[in-house]
Amino acid sequence: MYTKKFEIRWSDLDANRHLANSAYINFMSHTRMGFLMENGFGQKQLAHYNLGPIVFYEHIYYFKEIFAGEPVTVSLELNGLSEDGMYFEFIHKIYDHKGRNCATCEMMGSWIDLEERKLTTLPEELFKQLDSTPKTKEFRILTKEDTRKYGKRPDNLSSEELAKL
C-alpha cells in the first residue's frame, strides 16, 4: 500500500473546525500524484507520451471527524484497471494518528491524449507500471461500462432556459 502523511493546517479546516471536504480531496489528489510521479508517470514521461490523467468521479465516505493538531496518513491502492490501461480505479483511505480509518474514497479515472483531447490507452511500459501497483482484495478488470455504472449523463439547458439566465 502506498501512503503519504499530512499535517493538518489551519487552512484545511472548515467552519465546524474539522477537516474540510476540499482538504480531503486535496490530500488524496496529492497522494495520487505523488504515487504516479514516483512510479514512472512524472511530467517528463507523460509529456513524452502526450498523456494526462483525468478524474471521472471521487466518492468519499466519511466515518470520523479529523481535527487540527494530529497528522493523517492517506493510502492508495489499485481497485480496478482495464485490460488496455485506459481506465483505472484507486481506493484512498484516510487514517488518523491512531490508525483509525476516518474516510474512504473511490476514485475512477482515465488517460487523455492531450493533443487529440480524447481518451486513450496506456503505452505498454506505463501499463506494466500501473498494473504492478498494490491492489485491493476487491480488485477487478474494468470495462467501459464500469465508467457509467451510476447512469449519470449531462443535462444541458434548453435554449429557452439559457435565454432566461
Protein backbone atom coordinates (compact mmCIF):
# COMPACT_ATOMS: atom_id res chain seq x y z
CA MET A 1 0.00 0.00 0.00
CA TYR A 2 1.33 3.42 -0.96
CA THR A 3 0.96 6.10 1.76
CA LYS A 4 1.66 9.77 2.31
CA LYS A 5 1.49 11.71 5.61
CA PHE A 6 -0.04 15.16 6.04
CA GLU A 7 -0.10 17.73 8.81
CA ILE A 8 -3.48 19.40 9.27
CA ARG A 9 -3.08 23.13 8.67
CA TRP A 10 -5.39 25.91 9.81
CA SER A 11 -6.39 26.44 6.16
CA ASP A 12 -7.52 22.77 5.94
CA LEU A 13 -10.34 23.35 8.45
CA ASP A 14 -13.93 24.39 7.78
CA ALA A 15 -16.43 26.43 9.83
CA ASN A 16 -17.05 23.40 12.07
CA ARG A 17 -13.32 23.33 12.96
CA HIS A 18 -12.77 19.91 11.42
CA LEU A 19 -11.11 18.85 8.17
CA ALA A 20 -12.90 20.47 5.22
CA ASN A 21 -14.20 18.43 2.30
CA SER A 22 -11.82 20.23 -0.05
CA ALA A 23 -8.85 19.21 2.14
CA TYR A 24 -9.79 15.52 1.80
CA ILE A 25 -9.85 15.92 -1.98
CA ASN A 26 -6.53 17.80 -1.99
CA PHE A 27 -4.79 15.23 0.25
CA MET A 28 -6.00 12.36 -1.94
CA SER A 29 -5.01 14.14 -5.15
CA HIS A 30 -1.57 14.93 -3.73
CA THR A 31 -1.15 11.28 -2.71
CA ARG A 32 -2.20 10.10 -6.17
CA MET A 33 0.15 12.45 -7.99
CA GLY A 34 2.99 11.57 -5.63
CA PHE A 35 2.42 7.90 -6.33
CA LEU A 36 2.27 8.45 -10.10
CA MET A 37 5.44 10.57 -10.16
CA GLU A 38 7.34 8.01 -8.07
CA ASN A 39 6.23 5.18 -10.36
CA GLY A 40 7.14 6.32 -13.86
CA PHE A 41 4.30 8.78 -14.50
CA GLY A 42 6.22 12.03 -13.96
CA GLN A 43 5.83 15.12 -16.12
CA LYS A 44 8.68 14.06 -18.41
CA GLN A 45 7.15 10.62 -19.11
CA LEU A 46 3.62 11.97 -19.52
CA ALA A 47 4.88 14.69 -21.89
CA HIS A 48 6.79 12.06 -23.90
CA TYR A 49 3.53 10.15 -24.48
CA ASN A 50 1.37 13.30 -24.60
CA LEU A 51 -0.79 11.93 -21.76
CA GLY A 52 -2.65 13.41 -18.84
CA PRO A 53 -4.67 11.74 -16.07
CA ILE A 54 -8.34 12.69 -15.69
CA VAL A 55 -10.89 12.05 -12.95
CA PHE A 56 -14.37 10.72 -13.73
CA TYR A 57 -15.54 10.76 -10.12
CA GLU A 58 -14.47 10.70 -6.50
CA HIS A 59 -16.93 9.25 -3.97
CA ILE A 60 -15.99 9.95 -0.37
CA TYR A 61 -17.42 8.11 2.62
CA TYR A 62 -16.84 9.87 5.95
CA PHE A 63 -16.63 7.85 9.17
CA LYS A 64 -14.93 10.03 11.79
CA GLU A 65 -14.07 13.71 12.12
CA ILE A 66 -10.48 14.86 11.78
CA PHE A 67 -9.30 17.87 13.77
CA ALA A 68 -6.21 20.08 13.75
CA GLY A 69 -3.16 19.06 15.72
CA GLU A 70 -2.68 15.44 14.64
CA PRO A 71 -1.23 14.11 11.38
CA VAL A 72 -3.17 11.95 8.93
CA THR A 73 -1.98 9.24 6.56
CA VAL A 74 -3.56 8.80 3.13
CA SER A 75 -3.25 5.46 1.36
CA LEU A 76 -3.61 4.45 -2.27
CA GLU A 77 -4.39 1.02 -3.71
CA LEU A 78 -5.47 -0.04 -7.19
CA ASN A 79 -9.07 -1.28 -7.14
CA GLY A 80 -9.50 -1.78 -10.88
CA LEU A 81 -7.73 -1.50 -14.20
CA SER A 82 -8.92 -2.09 -17.76
CA GLU A 83 -7.02 -4.59 -19.90
CA ASP A 84 -5.57 -1.75 -22.00
CA GLY A 85 -4.93 0.59 -19.06
CA MET A 86 -7.38 3.21 -20.31
CA TYR A 87 -9.49 3.10 -17.12
CA PHE A 88 -8.28 2.84 -13.54
CA GLU A 89 -9.84 2.99 -10.10
CA PHE A 90 -7.98 3.86 -6.90
CA ILE A 91 -9.12 3.46 -3.32
CA HIS A 92 -7.85 6.05 -0.86
CA LYS A 93 -8.20 5.63 2.89
CA ILE A 94 -7.50 8.41 5.35
CA TYR A 95 -6.26 7.31 8.76
CA ASP A 96 -5.81 9.40 11.89
CA HIS A 97 -2.69 9.23 14.07
CA LYS A 98 -4.17 6.19 15.90
CA GLY A 99 -4.69 4.24 12.65
CA ARG A 100 -8.46 4.69 12.60
CA ASN A 101 -10.00 4.84 9.11
CA CYS A 102 -11.72 8.23 9.12
CA ALA A 103 -12.71 8.33 5.44
CA THR A 104 -12.53 6.22 2.28
CA CYS A 105 -12.69 7.40 -1.31
CA GLU A 106 -13.35 5.53 -4.55
CA MET A 107 -11.79 7.38 -7.46
CA MET A 108 -12.15 6.38 -11.12
CA GLY A 109 -10.16 7.94 -13.90
CA SER A 110 -8.67 7.55 -17.32
CA TRP A 111 -5.93 8.90 -19.57
CA ILE A 112 -6.39 11.60 -22.17
CA ASP A 113 -4.30 12.26 -25.26
CA LEU A 114 -3.52 15.93 -24.70
CA GLU A 115 -3.31 16.71 -28.42
CA GLU A 116 -6.43 14.89 -29.63
CA ARG A 117 -8.35 15.58 -26.38
CA LYS A 118 -9.70 12.01 -26.40
CA LEU A 119 -9.41 9.09 -24.02
CA THR A 120 -6.52 6.79 -24.82
CA THR A 121 -4.87 3.57 -23.73
CA LEU A 122 -1.59 3.39 -21.86
CA PRO A 123 1.65 2.53 -23.63
CA GLU A 124 2.89 -0.94 -22.58
CA GLU A 125 5.72 0.48 -20.44
CA LEU A 126 3.30 2.60 -18.36
CA PHE A 127 0.64 -0.13 -18.26
CA LYS A 128 3.15 -2.52 -16.64
CA GLN A 129 3.99 0.12 -14.04
CA LEU A 130 0.35 0.75 -13.16
CA ASP A 131 -0.52 -2.95 -13.19
CA SER A 132 2.20 -3.62 -10.60
CA THR A 133 0.55 -1.20 -8.14
CA PRO A 134 -0.56 -2.73 -4.82
CA LYS A 135 -4.13 -3.95 -5.34
CA THR A 136 -7.15 -4.16 -3.08
CA LYS A 137 -8.73 -7.52 -2.26
CA GLU A 138 -11.68 -6.42 -4.45
CA PHE A 139 -9.51 -5.63 -7.50
CA ARG A 140 -11.26 -6.24 -10.84
CA ILE A 141 -10.74 -5.75 -14.57
CA LEU A 142 -12.58 -2.59 -15.62
CA THR A 143 -14.64 -2.11 -18.77
CA LYS A 144 -16.13 1.00 -20.36
CA GLU A 145 -19.46 0.05 -18.73
CA ASP A 146 -17.87 0.50 -15.29
CA THR A 147 -17.37 4.19 -16.08
CA ARG A 148 -21.15 4.59 -16.49
CA LYS A 149 -22.34 2.38 -13.63
CA TYR A 150 -24.06 5.32 -11.92
CA GLY A 151 -26.02 6.23 -15.06
CA LYS A 152 -25.15 9.94 -14.91
CA ARG A 153 -25.38 11.87 -18.16
CA PRO A 154 -25.14 15.59 -19.00
CA ASP A 155 -28.34 17.59 -18.53
CA ASN A 156 -27.88 20.65 -20.75
CA LEU A 157 -30.02 23.76 -20.61
CA SER A 158 -32.53 24.27 -23.39
CA SER A 159 -32.30 27.44 -25.48
CA GLU A 160 -35.34 28.81 -23.58
CA GLU A 161 -33.70 28.12 -20.20
CA LEU A 162 -30.43 29.61 -21.41
CA ALA A 163 -32.21 32.78 -22.59
CA LYS A 164 -33.66 33.30 -19.07
CA LEU A 165 -30.21 33.39 -17.49
